PDB file of N, CA and C in Angstrom:
ATOM      1  N   ARG A   1       0.840  -1.176   0.000  1.00  0.00           N
ATOM      2  CA  ARG A   1       0.000   0.000   0.000  1.00  0.00           C
ATOM      3  C   ARG A   1       0.884   1.237   0.000  1.00  0.00           C
ATOM      4  N   VAL A   2       0.564   2.191  -0.872  1.00  0.00           N
ATOM      5  CA  VAL A   2       1.314   3.433  -0.988  1.00  0.00           C
ATOM      6  C   VAL A   2       0.316   4.581  -0.879  1.00  0.00           C
ATOM      7  N   PHE A   3       0.572   5.509   0.042  1.00  0.00           N
ATOM      8  CA  PHE A   3      -0.365   6.615   0.241  1.00  0.00           C
ATOM      9  C   PHE A   3       0.360   7.799   0.852  1.00  0.00           C
ATOM     10  N   PRO A   4      -0.171   9.005   0.794  1.00  0.00           N
ATOM     11  CA  PRO A   4      -1.276   9.418  -0.075  1.00  0.00           C
ATOM     12  C   PRO A   4      -0.802   9.520  -1.516  1.00  0.00           C
ATOM     13  N   ASN A   5      -1.672   9.283  -2.414  1.00  0.00           N
ATOM     14  CA  ASN A   5      -1.345   9.362  -3.837  1.00  0.00           C
ATOM     15  C   ASN A   5      -2.550   9.929  -4.564  1.00  0.00           C
ATOM     16  N   PRO A   6      -2.488  11.178  -5.003  1.00  0.00           N
ATOM     17  CA  PRO A   6      -1.323  12.058  -5.140  1.00  0.00           C
ATOM     18  C   PRO A   6      -0.823  12.577  -3.789  1.00  0.00           C
ATOM     19  N   THR A   7       0.435  13.034  -3.806  1.00  0.00           N
ATOM     20  CA  THR A   7       1.087  13.539  -2.611  1.00  0.00           C
ATOM     21  C   THR A   7       1.742  14.883  -2.904  1.00  0.00           C
ATOM     22  N   THR A   8       2.118  15.582  -1.844  1.00  0.00           N
ATOM     23  CA  THR A   8       2.840  16.831  -2.016  1.00  0.00           C
ATOM     24  C   THR A   8       4.245  16.754  -1.443  1.00  0.00           C
ATOM     25  N   ASP A   9       4.456  15.888  -0.444  1.00  0.00           N
ATOM     26  CA  ASP A   9       5.791  15.799   0.129  1.00  0.00           C
ATOM     27  C   ASP A   9       6.166  14.403   0.626  1.00  0.00           C
ATOM     28  N   LEU A  10       5.443  13.851   1.597  1.00  0.00           N
ATOM     29  CA  LEU A  10       5.793  12.537   2.138  1.00  0.00           C
ATOM     30  C   LEU A  10       4.903  11.440   1.575  1.00  0.00           C
ATOM     31  N   LEU A  11       5.533  10.335   1.236  1.00  0.00           N
ATOM     32  CA  LEU A  11       4.833   9.172   0.702  1.00  0.00           C
ATOM     33  C   LEU A  11       5.085   8.013   1.658  1.00  0.00           C
ATOM     34  N   THR A  12       4.029   7.368   2.119  1.00  0.00           N
ATOM     35  CA  THR A  12       4.153   6.244   3.040  1.00  0.00           C
ATOM     36  C   THR A  12       4.013   4.938   2.270  1.00  0.00           C
ATOM     37  N   ILE A  13       4.910   3.999   2.573  1.00  0.00           N
ATOM     38  CA  ILE A  13       4.891   2.680   1.947  1.00  0.00           C
ATOM     39  C   ILE A  13       4.648   1.660   3.049  1.00  0.00           C
ATOM     40  N   GLU A  14       3.601   0.857   2.902  1.00  0.00           N
ATOM     41  CA  GLU A  14       3.316  -0.222   3.841  1.00  0.00           C
ATOM     42  C   GLU A  14       3.382  -1.545   3.095  1.00  0.00           C
ATOM     43  N   LEU A  15       4.180  -2.454   3.610  1.00  0.00           N
ATOM     44  CA  LEU A  15       4.306  -3.781   3.022  1.00  0.00           C
ATOM     45  C   LEU A  15       3.340  -4.726   3.725  1.00  0.00           C
ATOM     46  N   PRO A  16       2.828  -5.734   3.016  1.00  0.00           N
ATOM     47  CA  PRO A  16       1.818  -6.617   3.596  1.00  0.00           C
ATOM     48  C   PRO A  16       2.331  -7.506   4.716  1.00  0.00           C
ATOM     49  N   GLN A  17       3.629  -7.747   4.775  1.00  0.00           N
ATOM     50  CA  GLN A  17       4.163  -8.624   5.813  1.00  0.00           C
ATOM     51  C   GLN A  17       5.543  -8.145   6.219  1.00  0.00           C
ATOM     52  N   THR A  18       5.939  -8.448   7.426  1.00  0.00           N
ATOM     53  CA  THR A  18       7.275  -8.112   7.892  1.00  0.00           C
ATOM     54  C   THR A  18       8.231  -9.160   7.352  1.00  0.00           C
ATOM     55  N   SER A  19       9.282  -8.695   6.736  1.00  0.00           N
ATOM     56  CA  SER A  19      10.254  -9.597   6.131  1.00  0.00           C
ATOM     57  C   SER A  19      11.573  -9.476   6.877  1.00  0.00           C
ATOM     58  N   SER A  20      12.291 -10.564   6.995  1.00  0.00           N
ATOM     59  CA  SER A  20      13.588 -10.523   7.664  1.00  0.00           C
ATOM     60  C   SER A  20      14.657  -9.927   6.753  1.00  0.00           C
ATOM     61  N   GLN A  21      14.399  -9.909   5.453  1.00  0.00           N
ATOM     62  CA  GLN A  21      15.374  -9.331   4.534  1.00  0.00           C
ATOM     63  C   GLN A  21      15.058  -7.861   4.291  1.00  0.00           C
ATOM     64  N   ILE A  22      16.080  -7.102   3.945  1.00  0.00           N
ATOM     65  CA  ILE A  22      15.902  -5.684   3.648  1.00  0.00           C
ATOM     66  C   ILE A  22      15.561  -5.539   2.174  1.00  0.00           C
ATOM     67  N   LEU A  23      14.413  -4.955   1.896  1.00  0.00           N
ATOM     68  CA  LEU A  23      14.000  -4.671   0.523  1.00  0.00           C
ATOM     69  C   LEU A  23      14.385  -3.240   0.196  1.00  0.00           C
ATOM     70  N   HIS A  24      14.429  -2.921  -1.077  1.00  0.00           N
ATOM     71  CA  HIS A  24      14.725  -1.560  -1.503  1.00  0.00           C
ATOM     72  C   HIS A  24      13.577  -1.028  -2.343  1.00  0.00           C
ATOM     73  N   CYS A  25      13.264   0.228  -2.157  1.00  0.00           N
ATOM     74  CA  CYS A  25      12.310   0.883  -3.041  1.00  0.00           C
ATOM     75  C   CYS A  25      13.109   1.851  -3.903  1.00  0.00           C
ATOM     76  N   ILE A  26      12.716   1.921  -5.153  1.00  0.00           N
ATOM     77  CA  ILE A  26      13.416   2.757  -6.127  1.00  0.00           C
ATOM     78  C   ILE A  26      12.389   3.638  -6.816  1.00  0.00           C
ATOM     79  N   LEU A  27      12.679   4.927  -6.875  1.00  0.00           N
ATOM     80  CA  LEU A  27      11.792   5.884  -7.524  1.00  0.00           C
ATOM     81  C   LEU A  27      12.416   6.292  -8.859  1.00  0.00           C
ATOM     82  N   TYR A  28      11.620   6.184  -9.927  1.00  0.00           N
ATOM     83  CA  TYR A  28      12.067   6.525 -11.283  1.00  0.00           C
ATOM     84  C   TYR A  28      11.212   7.663 -11.836  1.00  0.00           C
ATOM     85  N   ASP A  29      11.804   8.443 -12.736  1.00  0.00           N
ATOM     86  CA  ASP A  29      10.967   9.369 -13.505  1.00  0.00           C
ATOM     87  C   ASP A  29      10.412   8.603 -14.699  1.00  0.00           C
ATOM     88  N   LEU A  30       9.584   9.264 -15.494  1.00  0.00           N
ATOM     89  CA  LEU A  30       8.955   8.554 -16.620  1.00  0.00           C
ATOM     90  C   LEU A  30       9.917   8.258 -17.767  1.00  0.00           C
ATOM     91  N   TYR A  31      11.144   8.770 -17.686  1.00  0.00           N
ATOM     92  CA  TYR A  31      12.177   8.435 -18.677  1.00  0.00           C
ATOM     93  C   TYR A  31      12.992   7.228 -18.238  1.00  0.00           C
ATOM     94  N   GLY A  32      12.657   6.675 -17.071  1.00  0.00           N
ATOM     95  CA  GLY A  32      13.366   5.505 -16.569  1.00  0.00           C
ATOM     96  C   GLY A  32      14.622   5.828 -15.787  1.00  0.00           C
ATOM     97  N   ARG A  33      14.849   7.117 -15.489  1.00  0.00           N
ATOM     98  CA  ARG A  33      16.026   7.506 -14.712  1.00  0.00           C
ATOM     99  C   ARG A  33      15.756   7.274 -13.227  1.00  0.00           C
ATOM    100  N   LYS A  34      16.718   6.624 -12.580  1.00  0.00           N
ATOM    101  CA  LYS A  34      16.603   6.349 -11.152  1.00  0.00           C
ATOM    102  C   LYS A  34      16.848   7.652 -10.384  1.00  0.00           C
ATOM    103  N   LEU A  35      15.882   8.048  -9.559  1.00  0.00           N
ATOM    104  CA  LEU A  35      15.987   9.295  -8.817  1.00  0.00           C
ATOM    105  C   LEU A  35      16.329   9.080  -7.345  1.00  0.00           C
ATOM    106  N   MET A  36      15.894   7.962  -6.802  1.00  0.00           N
ATOM    107  CA  MET A  36      16.046   7.745  -5.372  1.00  0.00           C
ATOM    108  C   MET A  36      15.973   6.258  -5.074  1.00  0.00           C
ATOM    109  N   THR A  37      16.811   5.807  -4.148  1.00  0.00           N
ATOM    110  CA  THR A  37      16.755   4.432  -3.651  1.00  0.00           C
ATOM    111  C   THR A  37      16.764   4.489  -2.139  1.00  0.00           C
ATOM    112  N   GLN A  38      15.902   3.704  -1.518  1.00  0.00           N
ATOM    113  CA  GLN A  38      15.845   3.698  -0.056  1.00  0.00           C
ATOM    114  C   GLN A  38      15.596   2.280   0.425  1.00  0.00           C
ATOM    115  N   PRO A  39      16.371   1.831   1.413  1.00  0.00           N
ATOM    116  CA  PRO A  39      16.112   0.504   1.986  1.00  0.00           C
ATOM    117  C   PRO A  39      14.848   0.523   2.842  1.00  0.00           C
ATOM    118  N   LEU A  40      14.135  -0.582   2.822  1.00  0.00           N
ATOM    119  CA  LEU A  40      12.940  -0.756   3.651  1.00  0.00           C
ATOM    120  C   LEU A  40      13.228  -1.896   4.609  1.00  0.00           C
ATOM    121  N   SER A  41      13.554  -1.579   5.840  1.00  0.00           N
ATOM    122  CA  SER A  41      13.887  -2.624   6.809  1.00  0.00           C
ATOM    123  C   SER A  41      12.725  -2.937   7.730  1.00  0.00           C
ATOM    124  N   GLN A  42      11.620  -2.217   7.574  1.00  0.00           N
ATOM    125  CA  GLN A  42      10.432  -2.442   8.386  1.00  0.00           C
ATOM    126  C   GLN A  42       9.240  -2.614   7.465  1.00  0.00           C
ATOM    127  N   SER A  43       8.090  -2.888   8.046  1.00  0.00           N
ATOM    128  CA  SER A  43       6.893  -3.075   7.225  1.00  0.00           C
ATOM    129  C   SER A  43       6.297  -1.745   6.771  1.00  0.00           C
ATOM    130  N   SER A  44       6.831  -0.618   7.283  1.00  0.00           N
ATOM    131  CA  SER A  44       6.341   0.696   6.888  1.00  0.00           C
ATOM    132  C   SER A  44       7.517   1.666   6.795  1.00  0.00           C
ATOM    133  N   ALA A  45       7.492   2.537   5.800  1.00  0.00           N
ATOM    134  CA  ALA A  45       8.559   3.528   5.625  1.00  0.00           C
ATOM    135  C   ALA A  45       7.984   4.746   4.926  1.00  0.00           C
ATOM    136  N   GLN A  46       8.729   5.853   4.994  1.00  0.00           N
ATOM    137  CA  GLN A  46       8.310   7.068   4.316  1.00  0.00           C
ATOM    138  C   GLN A  46       9.404   7.552   3.379  1.00  0.00           C
ATOM    139  N   LEU A  47       8.974   8.048   2.215  1.00  0.00           N
ATOM    140  CA  LEU A  47       9.875   8.694   1.260  1.00  0.00           C
ATOM    141  C   LEU A  47       9.570  10.179   1.266  1.00  0.00           C
ATOM    142  N   ASN A  48      10.606  10.989   1.326  1.00  0.00           N
ATOM    143  CA  ASN A  48      10.435  12.432   1.284  1.00  0.00           C
ATOM    144  C   ASN A  48      10.610  12.886  -0.156  1.00  0.00           C
ATOM    145  N   LEU A  49       9.543  13.389  -0.758  1.00  0.00           N
ATOM    146  CA  LEU A  49       9.553  13.814  -2.159  1.00  0.00           C
ATOM    147  C   LEU A  49       9.547  15.331  -2.299  1.00  0.00           C
ATOM    148  N   GLN A  50       9.789  16.069  -1.218  1.00  0.00           N
ATOM    149  CA  GLN A  50       9.712  17.524  -1.237  1.00  0.00           C
ATOM    150  C   GLN A  50      10.600  18.165  -2.291  1.00  0.00           C
ATOM    151  N   THR A  51      11.773  17.617  -2.514  1.00  0.00           N
ATOM    152  CA  THR A  51      12.719  18.252  -3.435  1.00  0.00           C
ATOM    153  C   THR A  51      12.427  17.947  -4.904  1.00  0.00           C
ATOM    154  N   LEU A  52      11.511  17.034  -5.163  1.00  0.00           N
ATOM    155  CA  LEU A  52      11.186  16.680  -6.548  1.00  0.00           C
ATOM    156  C   LEU A  52      10.128  17.624  -7.113  1.00  0.00           C
ATOM    157  N   PRO A  53      10.221  17.929  -8.402  1.00  0.00           N
ATOM    158  CA  PRO A  53       9.186  18.761  -9.013  1.00  0.00           C
ATOM    159  C   PRO A  53       7.867  17.991  -9.162  1.00  0.00           C
ATOM    160  N   SER A  54       6.799  18.719  -9.323  1.00  0.00           N
ATOM    161  CA  SER A  54       5.496  18.091  -9.565  1.00  0.00           C
ATOM    162  C   SER A  54       5.584  17.226 -10.812  1.00  0.00           C
ATOM    163  N   GLY A  55       4.889  16.096 -10.799  1.00  0.00           N
ATOM    164  CA  GLY A  55       4.912  15.219 -11.961  1.00  0.00           C
ATOM    165  C   GLY A  55       4.498  13.809 -11.603  1.00  0.00           C
ATOM    166  N   VAL A  56       4.729  12.911 -12.536  1.00  0.00           N
ATOM    167  CA  VAL A  56       4.374  11.504 -12.380  1.00  0.00           C
ATOM    168  C   VAL A  56       5.667  10.701 -12.277  1.00  0.00           C
ATOM    169  N   TYR A  57       5.697   9.774 -11.334  1.00  0.00           N
ATOM    170  CA  TYR A  57       6.879   8.959 -11.076  1.00  0.00           C
ATOM    171  C   TYR A  57       6.450   7.498 -10.963  1.00  0.00           C
ATOM    172  N   LEU A  58       7.423   6.599 -11.048  1.00  0.00           N
ATOM    173  CA  LEU A  58       7.175   5.171 -10.840  1.00  0.00           C
ATOM    174  C   LEU A  58       7.947   4.714  -9.617  1.00  0.00           C
ATOM    175  N   LEU A  59       7.240   4.058  -8.700  1.00  0.00           N
ATOM    176  CA  LEU A  59       7.859   3.522  -7.500  1.00  0.00           C
ATOM    177  C   LEU A  59       7.905   2.012  -7.620  1.00  0.00           C
ATOM    178  N   GLU A  60       9.093   1.450  -7.457  1.00  0.00           N
ATOM    179  CA  GLU A  60       9.271   0.002  -7.523  1.00  0.00           C
ATOM    180  C   GLU A  60       9.801  -0.483  -6.183  1.00  0.00           C
ATOM    181  N   VAL A  61       9.134  -1.473  -5.628  1.00  0.00           N
ATOM    182  CA  VAL A  61       9.610  -2.132  -4.416  1.00  0.00           C
ATOM    183  C   VAL A  61       9.950  -3.562  -4.810  1.00  0.00           C
ATOM    184  N   GLU A  62      11.160  -4.006  -4.453  1.00  0.00           N
ATOM    185  CA  GLU A  62      11.610  -5.346  -4.827  1.00  0.00           C
ATOM    186  C   GLU A  62      10.560  -6.389  -4.471  1.00  0.00           C
ATOM    187  N   GLY A  63      10.210  -7.207  -5.432  1.00  0.00           N
ATOM    188  CA  GLY A  63       9.265  -8.292  -5.205  1.00  0.00           C
ATOM    189  C   GLY A  63       7.803  -7.897  -5.313  1.00  0.00           C
ATOM    190  N   PHE A  64       7.517  -6.625  -5.589  1.00  0.00           N
ATOM    191  CA  PHE A  64       6.145  -6.147  -5.707  1.00  0.00           C
ATOM    192  C   PHE A  64       5.985  -5.416  -7.032  1.00  0.00           C
ATOM    193  N   LYS A  65       4.754  -5.179  -7.429  1.00  0.00           N
ATOM    194  CA  LYS A  65       4.515  -4.507  -8.693  1.00  0.00           C
ATOM    195  C   LYS A  65       4.779  -3.010  -8.549  1.00  0.00           C
ATOM    196  N   SER A  66       5.182  -2.358  -9.641  1.00  0.00           N
ATOM    197  CA  SER A  66       5.463  -0.927  -9.646  1.00  0.00           C
ATOM    198  C   SER A  66       4.162  -0.139  -9.518  1.00  0.00           C
ATOM    199  N   VAL A  67       4.275   1.036  -8.908  1.00  0.00           N
ATOM    200  CA  VAL A  67       3.111   1.897  -8.669  1.00  0.00           C
ATOM    201  C   VAL A  67       3.390   3.277  -9.248  1.00  0.00           C
ATOM    202  N   LYS A  68       2.385   3.826  -9.929  1.00  0.00           N
ATOM    203  CA  LYS A  68       2.502   5.189 -10.445  1.00  0.00           C
ATOM    204  C   LYS A  68       2.205   6.159  -9.309  1.00  0.00           C
ATOM    205  N   ILE A  69       3.094   7.131  -9.124  1.00  0.00           N
ATOM    206  CA  ILE A  69       2.959   8.133  -8.063  1.00  0.00           C
ATOM    207  C   ILE A  69       2.785   9.502  -8.712  1.00  0.00           C
ATOM    208  N   VAL A  70       1.831  10.273  -8.221  1.00  0.00           N
ATOM    209  CA  VAL A  70       1.625  11.631  -8.704  1.00  0.00           C
ATOM    210  C   VAL A  70       2.050  12.587  -7.585  1.00  0.00           C
ATOM    211  N   LYS A  71       2.978  13.479  -7.908  1.00  0.00           N
ATOM    212  CA  LYS A  71       3.396  14.509  -6.962  1.00  0.00           C
ATOM    213  C   LYS A  71       2.833  15.831  -7.421  1.00  0.00           C
ATOM    214  N   GLU A  72       2.089  16.480  -6.552  1.00  0.00           N
ATOM    215  CA  GLU A  72       1.471  17.758  -6.896  1.00  0.00           C
ATOM    216  C   GLU A  72       2.384  18.906  -6.506  1.00  0.00           C
TER     217      GLU A  72
END
């Protein structure tokens, strides 16, 4: 689960189960350029998107499907 979407600054990521391994979330722009990588060591984490311009991004979490993110 990823919320709020659309967002203005902070994006919360909740994973369905607690995993013993550290997963990574990767944020891409629509050109496929990697903008941010953050480890997820808990079942919930936040990404700070304040410095990014408004637009559409793709969030990928290892082992899960990619999600389109709208930043206002």
